[in-house]
Protein backbone atom coordinates (compact mmCIF):
# COMPACT_ATOMS: atom_id res chain seq x y z
CA MET A 1 0.03 -24.33 -25.55
CA LYS A 2 -1.68 -24.31 -22.23
CA PRO A 3 -0.95 -20.88 -20.51
CA ASP A 4 1.42 -20.97 -17.55
CA LEU A 5 -0.45 -19.81 -14.35
CA ARG A 6 2.53 -18.08 -12.88
CA ASP A 7 3.02 -15.87 -16.17
CA LEU A 8 -0.85 -14.99 -16.13
CA VAL A 9 -0.51 -13.98 -12.43
CA ALA A 10 2.60 -12.04 -12.93
CA HIS A 11 1.09 -10.07 -15.81
CA ARG A 12 -2.19 -9.49 -14.02
CA ARG A 13 -4.24 -11.63 -16.54
CA LEU A 14 -7.14 -11.71 -14.00
CA ASP A 15 -9.76 -12.65 -16.44
CA ALA A 16 -7.75 -15.56 -17.84
CA VAL A 17 -6.94 -16.85 -14.22
CA THR A 18 -10.62 -16.60 -13.35
CA GLU A 19 -11.46 -18.60 -16.60
CA MET A 20 -9.21 -21.24 -15.56
CA ALA A 21 -10.55 -21.41 -12.06
CA ALA A 22 -14.06 -21.94 -13.53
CA THR A 23 -13.15 -25.11 -15.18
CA SER A 24 -10.69 -26.33 -12.58
CA ARG A 25 -11.11 -25.72 -8.94
CA ARG A 26 -7.49 -26.76 -8.44
CA VAL A 27 -6.33 -23.31 -9.67
CA LEU A 28 -7.05 -21.81 -6.09
CA GLY A 29 -4.68 -24.28 -4.57
CA ARG A 30 -2.10 -23.58 -7.08
CA LEU A 31 -2.56 -19.81 -6.42
CA VAL A 32 -1.86 -20.48 -2.71
CA SER A 33 1.41 -22.21 -3.79
CA LEU A 34 2.36 -19.07 -5.77
CA THR A 35 2.23 -17.08 -2.60
CA TYR A 36 5.47 -18.91 -1.77
CA ASP A 37 7.16 -17.49 -4.73
CA ALA A 38 10.51 -16.07 -4.32
CA ASP A 39 9.43 -12.71 -5.93
CA PRO A 40 7.17 -10.80 -3.69
CA ALA A 41 5.52 -9.18 -6.56
CA VAL A 42 4.45 -12.59 -7.87
CA ALA A 43 3.26 -13.64 -4.23
CA TRP A 44 1.09 -10.53 -3.94
CA ALA A 45 -0.19 -10.88 -7.53
CA ALA A 46 -1.24 -14.40 -6.49
CA VAL A 47 -3.18 -12.90 -3.58
CA GLU A 48 -4.99 -10.71 -6.03
CA ALA A 49 -5.66 -13.38 -8.64
CA MET A 50 -6.96 -15.62 -5.80
CA GLY A 51 -9.47 -13.10 -4.90
CA ALA A 52 -10.65 -12.58 -8.30
CA ALA A 53 -10.79 -16.29 -9.21
CA ALA A 54 -12.65 -17.14 -5.84
CA ALA A 55 -15.18 -14.32 -6.47
CA GLY A 56 -15.93 -15.83 -9.86
CA ILE A 57 -16.37 -19.32 -8.40
CA ALA A 58 -18.64 -17.87 -5.75
CA ASP A 59 -21.20 -17.10 -8.23
CA SER A 60 -21.92 -20.85 -8.77
CA ASP A 61 -20.17 -22.54 -5.82
CA PRO A 62 -19.93 -20.49 -2.90
CA ASP A 63 -19.43 -23.39 -0.54
CA PHE A 64 -16.12 -24.36 -2.37
CA VAL A 65 -14.96 -20.86 -1.61
CA ARG A 66 -15.93 -21.28 2.01
CA HIS A 67 -13.88 -24.64 2.05
CA HIS A 68 -10.94 -22.59 0.58
CA LEU A 69 -11.20 -19.89 3.15
CA ARG A 70 -11.19 -22.49 5.84
CA ARG A 71 -8.00 -24.01 4.39
CA LEU A 72 -6.32 -20.63 4.23
CA HIS A 73 -7.11 -20.28 8.01
CA TRP A 74 -5.70 -23.77 8.68
CA LEU A 75 -2.64 -22.82 6.78
CA LEU A 76 -1.86 -20.34 9.60
CA GLN A 77 -1.42 -23.13 12.00
CA GLU A 78 1.88 -25.06 12.51
CA GLU A 79 -0.05 -28.27 12.28
CA SER A 80 -0.53 -27.42 8.59
CA GLY A 81 3.13 -28.40 7.92
CA GLY A 82 3.73 -25.23 5.92
CA ILE A 83 2.58 -21.85 7.18
CA CYS A 84 1.26 -19.62 4.45
CA TRP A 85 2.62 -16.19 5.24
CA TYR A 86 0.16 -14.60 2.78
CA ALA A 87 -2.97 -16.38 4.14
CA PRO A 88 -4.35 -13.34 6.03
CA GLN A 89 -4.04 -11.29 2.91
CA ALA A 90 -5.63 -13.89 0.66
CA MET A 91 -8.68 -14.35 3.07
CA ALA A 92 -9.15 -10.54 3.24
CA GLU A 93 -8.87 -10.15 -0.69
CA ILE A 94 -11.60 -12.87 -1.19
CA VAL A 95 -13.86 -11.31 1.52
CA ALA A 96 -13.32 -7.84 0.29
CA ARG A 97 -14.49 -8.82 -3.15
CA ARG A 98 -17.53 -10.80 -2.00
CA PRO A 99 -18.63 -9.26 1.24
CA ASP A 100 -22.33 -10.10 0.21
CA LEU A 101 -21.39 -13.82 0.60
CA PHE A 102 -18.49 -14.08 3.13
CA ALA A 103 -19.16 -11.23 5.51
CA ASP A 104 -19.13 -13.83 8.31
CA TYR A 105 -15.43 -14.25 7.56
CA ILE A 106 -14.65 -10.52 8.45
CA PRO A 107 -14.53 -11.00 12.22
CA ILE A 108 -12.31 -14.09 11.57
CA VAL A 109 -9.80 -12.11 9.63
CA VAL A 110 -9.71 -9.11 12.12
CA ASN A 111 -9.46 -11.47 15.02
CA LEU A 112 -6.35 -12.99 13.48
CA VAL A 113 -4.53 -10.04 15.03
CA LEU A 114 -5.89 -10.68 18.54
CA GLU A 115 -5.67 -14.40 18.47
CA THR A 116 -1.97 -14.78 17.21
CA ALA A 117 0.57 -15.21 19.87
CA GLU A 118 3.00 -12.30 20.19
CA GLU A 119 6.05 -14.28 19.14
CA ASP A 120 4.18 -15.40 16.01
CA LEU A 121 2.79 -11.82 15.30
CA GLU A 122 6.01 -10.60 14.61
CA HIS A 123 6.09 -12.61 11.21
CA PHE A 124 2.49 -11.77 10.42
CA ARG A 125 1.80 -8.25 11.86
CA ALA A 126 2.34 -6.23 8.81
CA GLY A 127 0.28 -8.57 6.53
CA MET A 128 -2.44 -8.88 9.04
CA LEU A 129 -2.50 -4.97 9.21
CA TRP A 130 -2.77 -4.93 5.48
CA ALA A 131 -5.49 -7.59 5.41
CA VAL A 132 -7.68 -5.57 7.90
CA GLY A 133 -7.09 -2.31 5.93
CA ARG A 134 -8.13 -4.35 2.70
CA LEU A 135 -11.49 -5.12 4.29
CA GLY A 136 -11.97 -1.46 4.78
CA ALA A 137 -15.48 -0.20 5.30
CA PRO A 138 -17.21 -3.59 5.55
CA ALA A 139 -15.23 -4.38 8.81
CA GLY A 140 -16.95 -1.46 10.46
CA ASP A 141 -17.13 -1.75 14.28
CA VAL A 142 -15.64 -5.37 14.12
CA ALA A 143 -12.32 -3.74 13.74
CA ALA A 144 -12.54 -1.45 16.81
CA ASP A 145 -10.85 -3.97 19.06
CA ILE A 146 -7.73 -4.09 16.87
CA VAL A 147 -7.42 -0.17 16.67
CA PRO A 148 -5.31 0.25 19.89
CA GLY A 149 -2.87 -2.32 18.48
CA ALA A 150 -2.62 -0.65 15.06
CA VAL A 151 -2.10 2.48 16.99
CA GLY A 152 0.76 0.92 19.06
CA ALA A 153 2.36 -0.28 15.81
CA LEU A 154 2.84 3.29 14.59
CA GLY A 155 6.04 3.19 16.91
CA HIS A 156 7.09 -0.18 15.78
CA PRO A 157 11.00 -0.51 14.93
CA ASP A 158 10.07 -2.04 11.47
CA PRO A 159 9.03 0.57 9.01
CA GLN A 160 7.04 -1.95 7.11
CA VAL A 161 4.76 -2.50 10.10
CA ARG A 162 4.55 1.38 10.73
CA GLY A 163 3.54 1.95 7.10
CA MET A 164 0.92 -0.88 7.15
CA ALA A 165 -0.52 0.45 10.57
CA VAL A 166 -0.84 3.98 8.91
CA TRP A 167 -2.55 2.40 5.86
CA CYS A 168 -4.88 0.31 7.90
CA LEU A 169 -6.08 3.08 10.11
CA GLY A 170 -6.56 5.18 7.05
CA ARG A 171 -8.59 2.46 5.37
CA LEU A 172 -10.76 2.07 8.57
CA GLY A 173 -11.41 5.81 8.64
CA ARG A 174 -9.48 6.27 11.88
CA THR A 175 -7.11 9.03 10.63
CA ALA A 176 -7.64 11.08 13.99
CA GLU A 177 -5.49 8.53 15.70
CA LEU A 178 -2.74 9.53 13.50
CA ASP A 179 -2.85 13.10 14.79
CA ALA A 180 -1.06 12.11 18.02
CA HIS A 181 1.84 10.98 15.84
CA PRO A 182 3.32 13.99 13.92
CA GLU A 183 6.53 12.33 13.52
CA LEU A 184 5.03 10.11 10.82
CA GLN A 185 5.08 12.99 8.45
CA HIS A 186 8.73 12.89 8.61
CA ASP A 187 9.36 9.04 8.69
CA GLY A 188 11.56 8.18 5.70
CA GLY A 189 11.40 4.47 6.48
CA PRO A 190 10.83 2.23 3.49
CA CYS A 191 7.55 0.28 3.19
CA THR A 192 6.19 -1.85 0.28
CA LEU A 193 2.45 -1.46 -0.23
CA PHE A 194 0.40 -3.59 -2.51
CA GLN A 195 -2.56 -1.66 -3.96
CA ASP A 196 -4.46 -1.69 -7.29
CA GLY A 197 -2.29 -4.48 -8.55
CA GLU A 198 0.98 -2.74 -7.87
CA LEU A 199 3.78 -3.57 -5.32
CA ARG A 200 5.30 -0.08 -4.65
CA THR A 201 7.97 0.93 -2.24
CA LEU A 202 7.08 4.24 -0.46
CA THR A 203 8.01 5.86 2.67
CA VAL A 204 6.04 5.83 5.88
CA ALA A 205 5.68 9.58 5.62
CA ARG A 206 4.37 9.16 2.01
CA ILE A 207 1.51 6.78 3.16
CA ALA A 208 0.68 9.10 6.01
CA GLN A 209 0.43 12.13 3.71
CA ALA A 210 -1.63 10.18 1.32
CA VAL A 211 -3.91 9.08 3.97
CA ARG A 212 -4.47 12.59 5.34
CA GLU A 213 -5.02 13.92 1.89
CA GLY A 214 -7.59 11.07 1.28
CA GLY A 215 -9.83 12.24 4.09
CA THR A 216 -11.59 9.96 6.59
CA ALA A 217 -13.93 8.07 4.23
CA PRO A 218 -13.46 4.45 5.36
CA GLY A 219 -12.60 2.02 2.60
CA GLY A 220 -11.73 4.86 0.24
CA GLU A 221 -8.77 4.07 -2.07
CA ALA A 222 -5.66 6.04 -0.89
CA PRO A 223 -4.63 8.69 -3.41
CA PHE A 224 -1.58 7.24 -4.72
């Protein structure tokens, strides 16, 4: 029996997904479809699996992966006919796994925050902050322009945005910017964070605490 892609993704069978993608490039497109899944855990797992599968394909066909990255970028436009809300995260996951091949996409991912209209940014803000944070150290100085926006998001009314802003700044090694916001240490707002294959619900305060405990090493894993 042919394995079901959704089942493989949901159970984090990344090796099996990567093997499927090696024989059928259509798997990347099917993984994009899974980011529309009603279960957020499956949608996030599809992002992770897409990064793993694309990284494997890139060894033999980096141009195909570039084409896929361009398609993800296009799926952020209304002209695409079906906006992919997880496209920024998927782009970042692919680039973070293979910065040796796709570092030129780092400024493209970062600039999504700057180029998206404010009325549309409300739908994407938390996901884009995660995407920039996922890039971590390789983003380097490229991400400097979005730091003021990330700092501003620390006071956003949505706790998901606040939590992702904290995580993003921590991953970029900009924890000093958090010192001016001691209220974060008592912020009990709920925030879901996908990291190391898990979608966990934490408080903003817990994320802030973990970022501080993790020090300022950019790109380091948060100590959850």
